[in-house]
Amino acid sequence: MQQETGSQIHETLDHLNRQVLQGKQEALRLAMVAMLSGGHLLIEDLPGLGKTTLALALAGSTGLGLGRIQCTSDLLPSDITGLSVFRRDEGQFVFLPGPIFNHIVLVDEINRAMPRTQSALLEAMEEHRVTVEGTTHPLPEPFLVIATQNPIEQTGTYPLPESQLDRFLLCTGIGYPPTELEKAIITDGGIRERLEGLPRLLDARSLLVARRDAAQTHLAGNVVEYLHRFVLATRSHPAVLTGLSTRAAIGLAQAARAAAYLAGRDYVVPEDVRDLAVACSSHRLLLRPEHETRDRRELIRSIIGEIALPLT
């Protein structure tokens, strides 16, 4: 079963990479790592680079339900979670679920929502449930939030609080496509029409089986030591005010297990940790005021690069 499920995941990723999401392989891989880890993905980039297409393609190829939340300054928490309305014909209140009640939820431009509305996502992302008017409602499994964030200097954006950022297992950009590929996209007029005919190569059950198998991937003591040395280095770096938390360390370990599973291994190697360090860590660092303008991704690369890989 494990080998069959792993093959289905690789077939899905390969098909999307070749037919729909050329040039976005890393973002797609990280989305699958997040799903297999039970975490969530934050994409920081400009509008119009394919973030929505990525979410639509992932949902279409897995047959999972997709909900979309377009964040604006007047978005209310109930627009995300849902609300109870009174129905006279039934003589009672009935809960109407919001878009958060889907397997994959695309949150567009999350930092355009007011902080109070952003906080409505916290319980859903951490506990995979929402509480409305005192009643708790479970969310479907697997559950993945793919949120997009505009550059913070754009008008009408609100910085995400540390507690919100910490709920995202991974953070990445998506970038412009290679030159020749972008010309082809311009010529063809986009690729949205291809999404309607995507074959369903995975389903919720297969993904849950894969998540269970990924969680059992072996994490040796020397890899744990390597990961922990990296975490400690972020806490002691002179440019960093607050380094990685224990939650972040656990998340990095979970992501490394999922990456190893995608690579066809039942054990984690130090390179799995190193290669995911930036995506798992850069959005969690709180820098000292005099270093606030530093590139966090480059800082993480520098920190992890100074730690010697253990012998395997």
C-alpha atoms as a PDB file:
ATOM      1  CA  MET A   1       0.000   0.000   0.000  1.00  0.00           C
ATOM      2  CA  GLN A   2       2.806   2.439   0.901  1.00  0.00           C
ATOM      3  CA  GLN A   3       4.610   1.878  -2.397  1.00  0.00           C
ATOM      4  CA  GLU A   4       1.354   2.193  -4.362  1.00  0.00           C
ATOM      5  CA  THR A   5       0.364   5.425  -2.623  1.00  0.00           C
ATOM      6  CA  GLY A   6       3.851   6.872  -3.076  1.00  0.00           C
ATOM      7  CA  SER A   7       3.689   6.085  -6.778  1.00  0.00           C
ATOM      8  CA  GLN A   8       0.317   7.820  -7.066  1.00  0.00           C
ATOM      9  CA  ILE A   9       1.713  10.961  -5.432  1.00  0.00           C
ATOM     10  CA  HIS A  10       4.737  11.014  -7.720  1.00  0.00           C
ATOM     11  CA  GLU A  11       2.508  10.482 -10.753  1.00  0.00           C
ATOM     12  CA  THR A  12       0.335  13.392  -9.644  1.00  0.00           C
ATOM     13  CA  LEU A  13       3.269  15.745  -9.097  1.00  0.00           C
ATOM     14  CA  ASP A  14       4.889  14.719 -12.370  1.00  0.00           C
ATOM     15  CA  HIS A  15       1.674  15.266 -14.322  1.00  0.00           C
ATOM     16  CA  LEU A  16       1.107  18.712 -12.813  1.00  0.00           C
ATOM     17  CA  ASN A  17       4.735  19.699 -13.365  1.00  0.00           C
ATOM     18  CA  ARG A  18       4.600  18.715 -17.037  1.00  0.00           C
ATOM     19  CA  GLN A  19       1.083  19.718 -18.027  1.00  0.00           C
ATOM     20  CA  VAL A  20      -0.040  22.573 -15.797  1.00  0.00           C
ATOM     21  CA  LEU A  21       2.553  24.085 -13.478  1.00  0.00           C
ATOM     22  CA  GLN A  22       5.780  24.206 -15.449  1.00  0.00           C
ATOM     23  CA  GLY A  23       8.347  26.291 -13.659  1.00  0.00           C
ATOM     24  CA  LYS A  24       6.581  25.997 -10.303  1.00  0.00           C
ATOM     25  CA  GLN A  25       7.889  22.588  -9.268  1.00  0.00           C
ATOM     26  CA  GLU A  26       9.313  23.714  -5.932  1.00  0.00           C
ATOM     27  CA  ALA A  27       6.144  25.506  -4.830  1.00  0.00           C
ATOM     28  CA  LEU A  28       4.095  22.437  -5.769  1.00  0.00           C
ATOM     29  CA  ARG A  29       6.496  20.116  -3.921  1.00  0.00           C
ATOM     30  CA  LEU A  30       6.301  22.284  -0.820  1.00  0.00           C
ATOM     31  CA  ALA A  31       2.498  22.254  -1.002  1.00  0.00           C
ATOM     32  CA  MET A  32       2.583  18.443  -1.005  1.00  0.00           C
ATOM     33  CA  VAL A  33       5.132  18.410   1.839  1.00  0.00           C
ATOM     34  CA  ALA A  34       2.770  20.632   3.834  1.00  0.00           C
ATOM     35  CA  MET A  35      -0.190  18.360   3.130  1.00  0.00           C
ATOM     36  CA  LEU A  36       1.732  15.220   4.100  1.00  0.00           C
ATOM     37  CA  SER A  37       2.894  16.958   7.287  1.00  0.00           C
ATOM     38  CA  GLY A  38      -0.530  18.255   8.278  1.00  0.00           C
ATOM     39  CA  GLY A  39       0.768  21.822   7.950  1.00  0.00           C
ATOM     40  CA  HIS A  40       0.011  24.868   5.812  1.00  0.00           C
ATOM     41  CA  LEU A  41       1.750  26.887   3.107  1.00  0.00           C
ATOM     42  CA  LEU A  42       2.269  30.655   2.857  1.00  0.00           C
ATOM     43  CA  ILE A  43       3.251  32.057  -0.554  1.00  0.00           C
ATOM     44  CA  GLU A  44       4.770  35.526  -0.515  1.00  0.00           C
ATOM     45  CA  ASP A  45       4.801  37.028  -3.974  1.00  0.00           C
ATOM     46  CA  LEU A  46       3.212  39.489  -6.361  1.00  0.00           C
ATOM     47  CA  PRO A  47      -0.249  38.885  -7.844  1.00  0.00           C
ATOM     48  CA  GLY A  48      -0.581  37.156 -11.200  1.00  0.00           C
ATOM     49  CA  LEU A  49       2.187  34.551 -10.915  1.00  0.00           C
ATOM     50  CA  GLY A  50       0.100  31.385 -10.654  1.00  0.00           C
ATOM     51  CA  LYS A  51      -0.633  31.000  -6.939  1.00  0.00           C
ATOM     52  CA  THR A  52      -4.337  30.427  -7.547  1.00  0.00           C
ATOM     53  CA  THR A  53      -3.591  28.058 -10.394  1.00  0.00           C
ATOM     54  CA  LEU A  54      -1.422  25.984  -8.071  1.00  0.00           C
ATOM     55  CA  ALA A  55      -4.247  25.561  -5.555  1.00  0.00           C
ATOM     56  CA  LEU A  56      -6.806  24.799  -8.277  1.00  0.00           C
ATOM     57  CA  ALA A  57      -4.509  22.221  -9.877  1.00  0.00           C
ATOM     58  CA  LEU A  58      -3.791  20.498  -6.576  1.00  0.00           C
ATOM     59  CA  ALA A  59      -7.503  20.317  -5.755  1.00  0.00           C
ATOM     60  CA  GLY A  60      -8.440  19.144  -9.232  1.00  0.00           C
ATOM     61  CA  SER A  61      -5.878  16.347  -9.397  1.00  0.00           C
ATOM     62  CA  THR A  62      -6.854  15.024  -5.962  1.00  0.00           C
ATOM     63  CA  GLY A  63     -10.611  15.479  -6.178  1.00  0.00           C
ATOM     64  CA  LEU A  64     -10.549  17.438  -2.923  1.00  0.00           C
ATOM     65  CA  GLY A  65     -12.958  20.274  -2.221  1.00  0.00           C
ATOM     66  CA  LEU A  66     -11.516  23.767  -2.668  1.00  0.00           C
ATOM     67  CA  GLY A  67     -12.655  26.844  -0.782  1.00  0.00           C
ATOM     68  CA  ARG A  68     -11.480  30.327  -1.637  1.00  0.00           C
ATOM     69  CA  ILE A  69     -11.346  33.363   0.638  1.00  0.00           C
ATOM     70  CA  GLN A  70     -10.562  36.728  -0.917  1.00  0.00           C
ATOM     71  CA  CYS A  71      -9.272  38.893   1.905  1.00  0.00           C
ATOM     72  CA  THR A  72     -10.287  42.541   2.044  1.00  0.00           C
ATOM     73  CA  SER A  73     -10.334  45.144   4.778  1.00  0.00           C
ATOM     74  CA  ASP A  74     -14.072  44.578   5.379  1.00  0.00           C
ATOM     75  CA  LEU A  75     -13.898  40.773   5.557  1.00  0.00           C
ATOM     76  CA  LEU A  76     -15.502  39.464   8.757  1.00  0.00           C
ATOM     77  CA  PRO A  77     -14.553  36.339  10.749  1.00  0.00           C
ATOM     78  CA  SER A  78     -17.991  34.866   9.970  1.00  0.00           C
ATOM     79  CA  ASP A  79     -17.182  35.191   6.248  1.00  0.00           C
ATOM     80  CA  ILE A  80     -14.506  32.559   6.881  1.00  0.00           C
ATOM     81  CA  THR A  81     -16.010  30.253   9.490  1.00  0.00           C
ATOM     82  CA  GLY A  82     -19.710  30.554   8.696  1.00  0.00           C
ATOM     83  CA  LEU A  83     -22.591  31.582  10.900  1.00  0.00           C
ATOM     84  CA  SER A  84     -25.885  30.442  12.374  1.00  0.00           C
ATOM     85  CA  VAL A  85     -29.114  31.808  10.876  1.00  0.00           C
ATOM     86  CA  PHE A  86     -32.655  31.434  12.119  1.00  0.00           C
ATOM     87  CA  ARG A  87     -35.005  29.596   9.771  1.00  0.00           C
ATOM     88  CA  ARG A  88     -38.612  30.359  10.502  1.00  0.00           C
ATOM     89  CA  ASP A  89     -39.946  27.308   8.690  1.00  0.00           C
ATOM     90  CA  GLU A  90     -37.875  25.052  10.955  1.00  0.00           C
ATOM     91  CA  GLY A  91     -38.169  27.211  14.041  1.00  0.00           C
ATOM     92  CA  GLN A  92     -34.484  26.904  14.864  1.00  0.00           C
ATOM     93  CA  PHE A  93     -31.018  28.209  14.132  1.00  0.00           C
ATOM     94  CA  VAL A  94     -29.102  26.398  11.385  1.00  0.00           C
ATOM     95  CA  PHE A  95     -25.329  26.586  10.924  1.00  0.00           C
ATOM     96  CA  LEU A  96     -24.201  27.619   7.450  1.00  0.00           C
ATOM     97  CA  PRO A  97     -20.540  26.588   7.027  1.00  0.00           C
ATOM     98  CA  GLY A  98     -18.108  29.040   5.493  1.00  0.00           C
ATOM     99  CA  PRO A  99     -15.417  28.370   2.876  1.00  0.00           C
ATOM    100  CA  ILE A 100     -13.019  27.112   5.571  1.00  0.00           C
ATOM    101  CA  PHE A 101     -14.966  23.826   5.472  1.00  0.00           C
ATOM    102  CA  ASN A 102     -13.012  22.400   2.550  1.00  0.00           C
ATOM    103  CA  HIS A 103     -10.003  20.108   2.208  1.00  0.00           C
ATOM    104  CA  ILE A 104      -7.949  22.826   0.493  1.00  0.00           C
ATOM    105  CA  VAL A 105      -8.547  26.470   1.334  1.00  0.00           C
ATOM    106  CA  LEU A 106      -6.961  29.231  -0.732  1.00  0.00           C
ATOM    107  CA  VAL A 107      -6.698  32.464   1.260  1.00  0.00           C
ATOM    108  CA  ASP A 108      -5.894  35.204  -1.224  1.00  0.00           C
ATOM    109  CA  GLU A 109      -3.922  38.223   0.009  1.00  0.00           C
ATOM    110  CA  ILE A 110      -4.207  37.257   3.663  1.00  0.00           C
ATOM    111  CA  ASN A 111      -2.446  40.403   4.846  1.00  0.00           C
ATOM    112  CA  ARG A 112      -5.222  42.605   3.453  1.00  0.00           C
ATOM    113  CA  ALA A 113      -7.601  41.287   6.124  1.00  0.00           C
ATOM    114  CA  MET A 114      -7.891  43.046   9.468  1.00  0.00           C
ATOM    115  CA  PRO A 115      -5.997  41.371  12.354  1.00  0.00           C
ATOM    116  CA  ARG A 116      -9.286  40.286  13.992  1.00  0.00           C
ATOM    117  CA  THR A 117     -10.276  38.468  10.820  1.00  0.00           C
ATOM    118  CA  GLN A 118      -6.814  36.938  10.425  1.00  0.00           C
ATOM    119  CA  SER A 119      -7.151  35.515  13.934  1.00  0.00           C
ATOM    120  CA  ALA A 120     -10.279  33.618  12.851  1.00  0.00           C
ATOM    121  CA  LEU A 121      -7.946  31.292  10.964  1.00  0.00           C
ATOM    122  CA  LEU A 122      -5.814  30.424  14.003  1.00  0.00           C
ATOM    123  CA  GLU A 123      -8.025  27.729  15.506  1.00  0.00           C
ATOM    124  CA  ALA A 124      -8.773  26.223  12.104  1.00  0.00           C
ATOM    125  CA  MET A 125      -5.103  25.974  11.159  1.00  0.00           C
ATOM    126  CA  GLU A 126      -3.897  24.680  14.505  1.00  0.00           C
ATOM    127  CA  GLU A 127      -6.766  22.462  15.664  1.00  0.00           C
ATOM    128  CA  HIS A 128      -8.435  21.646  12.319  1.00  0.00           C
ATOM    129  CA  ARG A 129     -11.753  22.794  13.746  1.00  0.00           C
ATOM    130  CA  VAL A 130     -13.709  26.001  14.249  1.00  0.00           C
ATOM    131  CA  THR A 131     -15.907  27.170  17.094  1.00  0.00           C
ATOM    132  CA  VAL A 132     -18.923  29.293  16.235  1.00  0.00           C
ATOM    133  CA  GLU A 133     -21.261  30.555  18.945  1.00  0.00           C
ATOM    134  CA  GLY A 134     -19.949  27.998  21.407  1.00  0.00           C
ATOM    135  CA  THR A 135     -20.293  24.995  19.111  1.00  0.00           C
ATOM    136  CA  THR A 136     -17.194  23.268  17.729  1.00  0.00           C
ATOM    137  CA  HIS A 137     -17.256  21.961  14.173  1.00  0.00           C
ATOM    138  CA  PRO A 138     -14.516  19.637  12.834  1.00  0.00           C
ATOM    139  CA  LEU A 139     -12.915  20.378   9.495  1.00  0.00           C
ATOM    140  CA  PRO A 140     -12.469  17.727   6.786  1.00  0.00           C
ATOM    141  CA  GLU A 141      -9.233  15.766   6.583  1.00  0.00           C
ATOM    142  CA  PRO A 142      -6.811  16.204   4.983  1.00  0.00           C
ATOM    143  CA  PHE A 143      -6.918  19.968   5.508  1.00  0.00           C
ATOM    144  CA  LEU A 144      -4.510  22.383   3.858  1.00  0.00           C
ATOM    145  CA  VAL A 145      -4.464  26.190   3.871  1.00  0.00           C
ATOM    146  CA  ILE A 146      -2.573  27.833   1.018  1.00  0.00           C
ATOM    147  CA  ALA A 147      -2.379  31.546   1.794  1.00  0.00           C
ATOM    148  CA  THR A 148      -0.889  34.255  -0.384  1.00  0.00           C
ATOM    149  CA  GLN A 149       0.672  37.422   0.967  1.00  0.00           C
ATOM    150  CA  ASN A 150       1.490  40.622  -0.860  1.00  0.00           C
ATOM    151  CA  PRO A 151       4.786  42.410  -0.264  1.00  0.00           C
ATOM    152  CA  ILE A 152       4.274  44.311   2.997  1.00  0.00           C
ATOM    153  CA  GLU A 153       5.042  47.685   1.433  1.00  0.00           C
ATOM    154  CA  GLN A 154       1.927  47.526  -0.746  1.00  0.00           C
ATOM    155  CA  THR A 155      -0.931  49.842   0.234  1.00  0.00           C
ATOM    156  CA  GLY A 156      -3.657  48.372   2.434  1.00  0.00           C
ATOM    157  CA  THR A 157      -1.679  45.505   3.948  1.00  0.00           C
ATOM    158  CA  TYR A 158      -1.410  44.509   7.588  1.00  0.00           C
ATOM    159  CA  PRO A 159       1.609  42.583   8.894  1.00  0.00           C
ATOM    160  CA  LEU A 160       0.721  39.097  10.066  1.00  0.00           C
ATOM    161  CA  PRO A 161       1.257  38.625  13.817  1.00  0.00           C
ATOM    162  CA  GLU A 162       3.921  36.159  14.931  1.00  0.00           C
ATOM    163  CA  SER A 163       1.252  33.749  16.193  1.00  0.00           C
ATOM    164  CA  GLN A 164      -0.314  33.667  12.733  1.00  0.00           C
ATOM    165  CA  LEU A 165       2.979  33.199  10.899  1.00  0.00           C
ATOM    166  CA  ASP A 166       3.900  30.369  13.245  1.00  0.00           C
ATOM    167  CA  ARG A 167       0.843  28.416  12.042  1.00  0.00           C
ATOM    168  CA  PHE A 168       2.367  28.160   8.572  1.00  0.00           C
ATOM    169  CA  LEU A 169       4.684  25.188   8.321  1.00  0.00           C
ATOM    170  CA  LEU A 170       6.307  26.482   5.124  1.00  0.00           C
ATOM    171  CA  CYS A 171       6.737  29.812   3.383  1.00  0.00           C
ATOM    172  CA  THR A 172       7.987  30.274  -0.162  1.00  0.00           C
ATOM    173  CA  GLY A 173       7.767  32.462  -3.238  1.00  0.00           C
ATOM    174  CA  ILE A 174       6.611  31.339  -6.644  1.00  0.00           C
ATOM    175  CA  GLY A 175       8.583  33.626  -8.926  1.00  0.00           C
ATOM    176  CA  TYR A 176       8.322  34.514 -12.584  1.00  0.00           C
ATOM    177  CA  PRO A 177       8.354  31.613 -15.061  1.00  0.00           C
ATOM    178  CA  PRO A 178      11.427  31.046 -17.255  1.00  0.00           C
ATOM    179  CA  THR A 179      11.539  33.294 -20.324  1.00  0.00           C
ATOM    180  CA  GLU A 180      10.566  30.731 -22.961  1.00  0.00           C
ATOM    181  CA  LEU A 181       7.825  29.303 -20.784  1.00  0.00           C
ATOM    182  CA  GLU A 182       6.403  32.761 -20.125  1.00  0.00           C
ATOM    183  CA  LYS A 183       6.326  33.430 -23.878  1.00  0.00           C
ATOM    184  CA  ALA A 184       4.419  30.182 -24.392  1.00  0.00           C
ATOM    185  CA  ILE A 185       1.928  31.139 -21.656  1.00  0.00           C
ATOM    186  CA  ILE A 186       1.415  34.529 -23.292  1.00  0.00           C
ATOM    187  CA  THR A 187       0.878  32.851 -26.670  1.00  0.00           C
ATOM    188  CA  ASP A 188      -1.602  30.291 -25.327  1.00  0.00           C
ATOM    189  CA  GLY A 189      -3.451  32.837 -23.202  1.00  0.00           C
ATOM    190  CA  GLY A 190      -3.048  31.048 -19.894  1.00  0.00           C
ATOM    191  CA  ILE A 191      -3.621  27.510 -18.721  1.00  0.00           C
ATOM    192  CA  ARG A 192      -6.808  27.726 -16.644  1.00  0.00           C
ATOM    193  CA  GLU A 193      -8.796  25.775 -19.251  1.00  0.00           C
ATOM    194  CA  ARG A 194      -6.508  22.767 -18.754  1.00  0.00           C
ATOM    195  CA  LEU A 195      -7.557  22.523 -15.127  1.00  0.00           C
ATOM    196  CA  GLU A 196     -11.061  21.362 -16.033  1.00  0.00           C
ATOM    197  CA  GLY A 197      -9.790  18.179 -17.625  1.00  0.00           C
ATOM    198  CA  LEU A 198      -7.268  17.181 -14.981  1.00  0.00           C
ATOM    199  CA  PRO A 199      -7.346  13.448 -14.207  1.00  0.00           C
ATOM    200  CA  ARG A 200      -7.969  12.612 -10.558  1.00  0.00           C
ATOM    201  CA  LEU A 201      -4.878  10.665  -9.598  1.00  0.00           C
ATOM    202  CA  LEU A 202      -5.288  10.849  -5.799  1.00  0.00           C
ATOM    203  CA  ASP A 203      -8.061  11.012  -3.241  1.00  0.00           C
ATOM    204  CA  ALA A 204      -8.479  11.935   0.411  1.00  0.00           C
ATOM    205  CA  ARG A 205      -8.018   8.369   1.618  1.00  0.00           C
ATOM    206  CA  SER A 206      -4.724   7.921  -0.254  1.00  0.00           C
ATOM    207  CA  LEU A 207      -3.402  11.205   1.106  1.00  0.00           C
ATOM    208  CA  LEU A 208      -4.270  10.234   4.673  1.00  0.00           C
ATOM    209  CA  VAL A 209      -2.481   6.903   4.199  1.00  0.00           C
ATOM    210  CA  ALA A 210       0.543   8.755   2.808  1.00  0.00           C
ATOM    211  CA  ARG A 211       0.467  11.198   5.748  1.00  0.00           C
ATOM    212  CA  ARG A 212       0.512   8.283   8.180  1.00  0.00           C
ATOM    213  CA  ASP A 213       3.403   6.610   6.363  1.00  0.00           C
ATOM    214  CA  ALA A 214       5.363   9.867   6.140  1.00  0.00           C
ATOM    215  CA  ALA A 215       4.982  10.394   9.894  1.00  0.00           C
ATOM    216  CA  GLN A 216       6.641   7.003  10.474  1.00  0.00           C
ATOM    217  CA  THR A 217       9.757   7.905   8.474  1.00  0.00           C
ATOM    218  CA  HIS A 218      12.814   7.290  10.669  1.00  0.00           C
ATOM    219  CA  LEU A 219      14.573  10.316  12.151  1.00  0.00           C
ATOM    220  CA  ALA A 220      17.995   9.259  13.433  1.00  0.00           C
ATOM    221  CA  GLY A 221      19.681  10.791  16.440  1.00  0.00           C
ATOM    222  CA  ASN A 222      22.423  12.471  14.427  1.00  0.00           C
ATOM    223  CA  VAL A 223      19.799  14.190  12.226  1.00  0.00           C
ATOM    224  CA  VAL A 224      17.945  15.382  15.325  1.00  0.00           C
ATOM    225  CA  GLU A 225      21.238  16.748  16.683  1.00  0.00           C
ATOM    226  CA  TYR A 226      21.908  18.563  13.410  1.00  0.00           C
ATOM    227  CA  LEU A 227      18.408  20.060  13.396  1.00  0.00           C
ATOM    228  CA  HIS A 228      18.724  21.142  17.031  1.00  0.00           C
ATOM    229  CA  ARG A 229      22.083  22.807  16.439  1.00  0.00           C
ATOM    230  CA  PHE A 230      20.458  24.842  13.684  1.00  0.00           C
ATOM    231  CA  VAL A 231      17.601  25.886  15.972  1.00  0.00           C
ATOM    232  CA  LEU A 232      20.046  26.948  18.693  1.00  0.00           C
ATOM    233  CA  ALA A 233      22.090  28.908  16.131  1.00  0.00           C
ATOM    234  CA  THR A 234      19.032  30.963  15.175  1.00  0.00           C
ATOM    235  CA  ARG A 235      18.493  31.873  18.828  1.00  0.00           C
ATOM    236  CA  SER A 236      22.052  33.025  19.391  1.00  0.00           C
ATOM    237  CA  HIS A 237      22.638  34.913  16.138  1.00  0.00           C
ATOM    238  CA  PRO A 238      23.394  38.614  16.799  1.00  0.00           C
ATOM    239  CA  ALA A 239      20.864  39.787  14.189  1.00  0.00           C
ATOM    240  CA  VAL A 240      18.009  37.726  15.631  1.00  0.00           C
ATOM    241  CA  LEU A 241      15.811  38.928  18.467  1.00  0.00           C
ATOM    242  CA  THR A 242      13.693  35.765  18.688  1.00  0.00           C
ATOM    243  CA  GLY A 243      14.888  32.544  17.081  1.00  0.00           C
ATOM    244  CA  LEU A 244      13.019  29.380  16.245  1.00  0.00           C
ATOM    245  CA  SER A 245      10.610  27.957  18.787  1.00  0.00           C
ATOM    246  CA  THR A 246      10.188  24.305  19.740  1.00  0.00           C
ATOM    247  CA  ARG A 247       7.044  24.284  17.590  1.00  0.00           C
ATOM    248  CA  ALA A 248       9.167  25.383  14.632  1.00  0.00           C
ATOM    249  CA  ALA A 249      11.689  22.614  15.321  1.00  0.00           C
ATOM    250  CA  ILE A 250       8.916  20.017  15.412  1.00  0.00           C
ATOM    251  CA  GLY A 251       7.538  21.404  12.161  1.00  0.00           C
ATOM    252  CA  LEU A 252      10.931  21.193  10.466  1.00  0.00           C
ATOM    253  CA  ALA A 253      11.255  17.558  11.574  1.00  0.00           C
ATOM    254  CA  GLN A 254       7.773  16.751  10.226  1.00  0.00           C
ATOM    255  CA  ALA A 255       8.531  18.459   6.931  1.00  0.00           C
ATOM    256  CA  ALA A 256      11.836  16.594   6.619  1.00  0.00           C
ATOM    257  CA  ARG A 257      10.009  13.301   7.132  1.00  0.00           C
ATOM    258  CA  ALA A 258       7.535  14.208   4.390  1.00  0.00           C
ATOM    259  CA  ALA A 259      10.361  15.240   2.042  1.00  0.00           C
ATOM    260  CA  ALA A 260      12.132  11.943   2.662  1.00  0.00           C
ATOM    261  CA  TYR A 261       8.889  10.089   1.930  1.00  0.00           C
ATOM    262  CA  LEU A 262       8.506  11.972  -1.366  1.00  0.00           C
ATOM    263  CA  ALA A 263      12.098  11.024  -2.192  1.00  0.00           C
ATOM    264  CA  GLY A 264      11.198   7.359  -1.730  1.00  0.00           C
ATOM    265  CA  ARG A 265      13.124   6.857   1.502  1.00  0.00           C
ATOM    266  CA  ASP A 266      11.943   5.552   4.866  1.00  0.00           C
ATOM    267  CA  TYR A 267      14.580   7.588   6.686  1.00  0.00           C
ATOM    268  CA  VAL A 268      15.540  11.263   6.880  1.00  0.00           C
ATOM    269  CA  VAL A 269      18.980  12.441   5.807  1.00  0.00           C
ATOM    270  CA  PRO A 270      20.561  15.723   6.996  1.00  0.00           C
ATOM    271  CA  GLU A 271      20.127  17.202   3.519  1.00  0.00           C
ATOM    272  CA  ASP A 272      16.332  16.972   3.963  1.00  0.00           C
ATOM    273  CA  VAL A 273      16.613  19.302   6.951  1.00  0.00           C
ATOM    274  CA  ARG A 274      19.079  21.628   5.230  1.00  0.00           C
ATOM    275  CA  ASP A 275      17.003  21.929   2.057  1.00  0.00           C
ATOM    276  CA  LEU A 276      13.835  22.812   3.994  1.00  0.00           C
ATOM    277  CA  ALA A 277      15.454  25.152   6.526  1.00  0.00           C
ATOM    278  CA  VAL A 278      14.677  28.338   4.596  1.00  0.00           C
ATOM    279  CA  ALA A 279      11.052  27.449   3.803  1.00  0.00           C
ATOM    280  CA  CYS A 280      10.400  26.303   7.376  1.00  0.00           C
ATOM    281  CA  SER A 281      12.203  29.092   9.208  1.00  0.00           C
ATOM    282  CA  SER A 282      12.560  32.425   7.418  1.00  0.00           C
ATOM    283  CA  HIS A 283       9.021  33.633   8.173  1.00  0.00           C
ATOM    284  CA  ARG A 284       9.343  32.802  11.877  1.00  0.00           C
ATOM    285  CA  LEU A 285      12.416  34.887  12.715  1.00  0.00           C
ATOM    286  CA  LEU A 286      11.996  38.147  14.584  1.00  0.00           C
ATOM    287  CA  LEU A 287      14.993  40.361  13.833  1.00  0.00           C
ATOM    288  CA  ARG A 288      16.477  43.130  15.922  1.00  0.00           C
ATOM    289  CA  PRO A 289      15.362  46.617  14.813  1.00  0.00           C
ATOM    290  CA  GLU A 290      18.744  47.524  13.335  1.00  0.00           C
ATOM    291  CA  HIS A 291      18.632  44.347  11.180  1.00  0.00           C
ATOM    292  CA  GLU A 292      14.964  44.533  10.207  1.00  0.00           C
ATOM    293  CA  THR A 293      15.733  45.168   6.537  1.00  0.00           C
ATOM    294  CA  ARG A 294      17.891  42.061   6.170  1.00  0.00           C
ATOM    295  CA  ASP A 295      16.762  39.293   3.846  1.00  0.00           C
ATOM    296  CA  ARG A 296      15.567  36.565   6.208  1.00  0.00           C
ATOM    297  CA  ARG A 297      15.949  33.841   3.629  1.00  0.00           C
ATOM    298  CA  GLU A 298      19.588  34.723   3.014  1.00  0.00           C
ATOM    299  CA  LEU A 299      20.150  34.896   6.776  1.00  0.00           C
ATOM    300  CA  ILE A 300      18.797  31.360   7.225  1.00  0.00           C
ATOM    301  CA  ARG A 301      20.976  30.109   4.374  1.00  0.00           C
ATOM    302  CA  SER A 302      23.984  31.646   6.091  1.00  0.00           C
ATOM    303  CA  ILE A 303      23.138  30.090   9.468  1.00  0.00           C
ATOM    304  CA  ILE A 304      22.452  26.587   8.158  1.00  0.00           C
ATOM    305  CA  GLY A 305      25.499  26.803   5.878  1.00  0.00           C
ATOM    306  CA  GLU A 306      27.791  27.247   8.878  1.00  0.00           C
ATOM    307  CA  ILE A 307      26.628  23.989  10.487  1.00  0.00           C
ATOM    308  CA  ALA A 308      28.530  20.951   9.279  1.00  0.00           C
ATOM    309  CA  LEU A 309      26.433  18.068   7.946  1.00  0.00           C
ATOM    310  CA  PRO A 310      26.767  14.986  10.160  1.00  0.00           C
ATOM    311  CA  LEU A 311      28.295  11.842   8.749  1.00  0.00           C
ATOM    312  CA  THR A 312      25.782   9.225   7.646  1.00  0.00           C
END
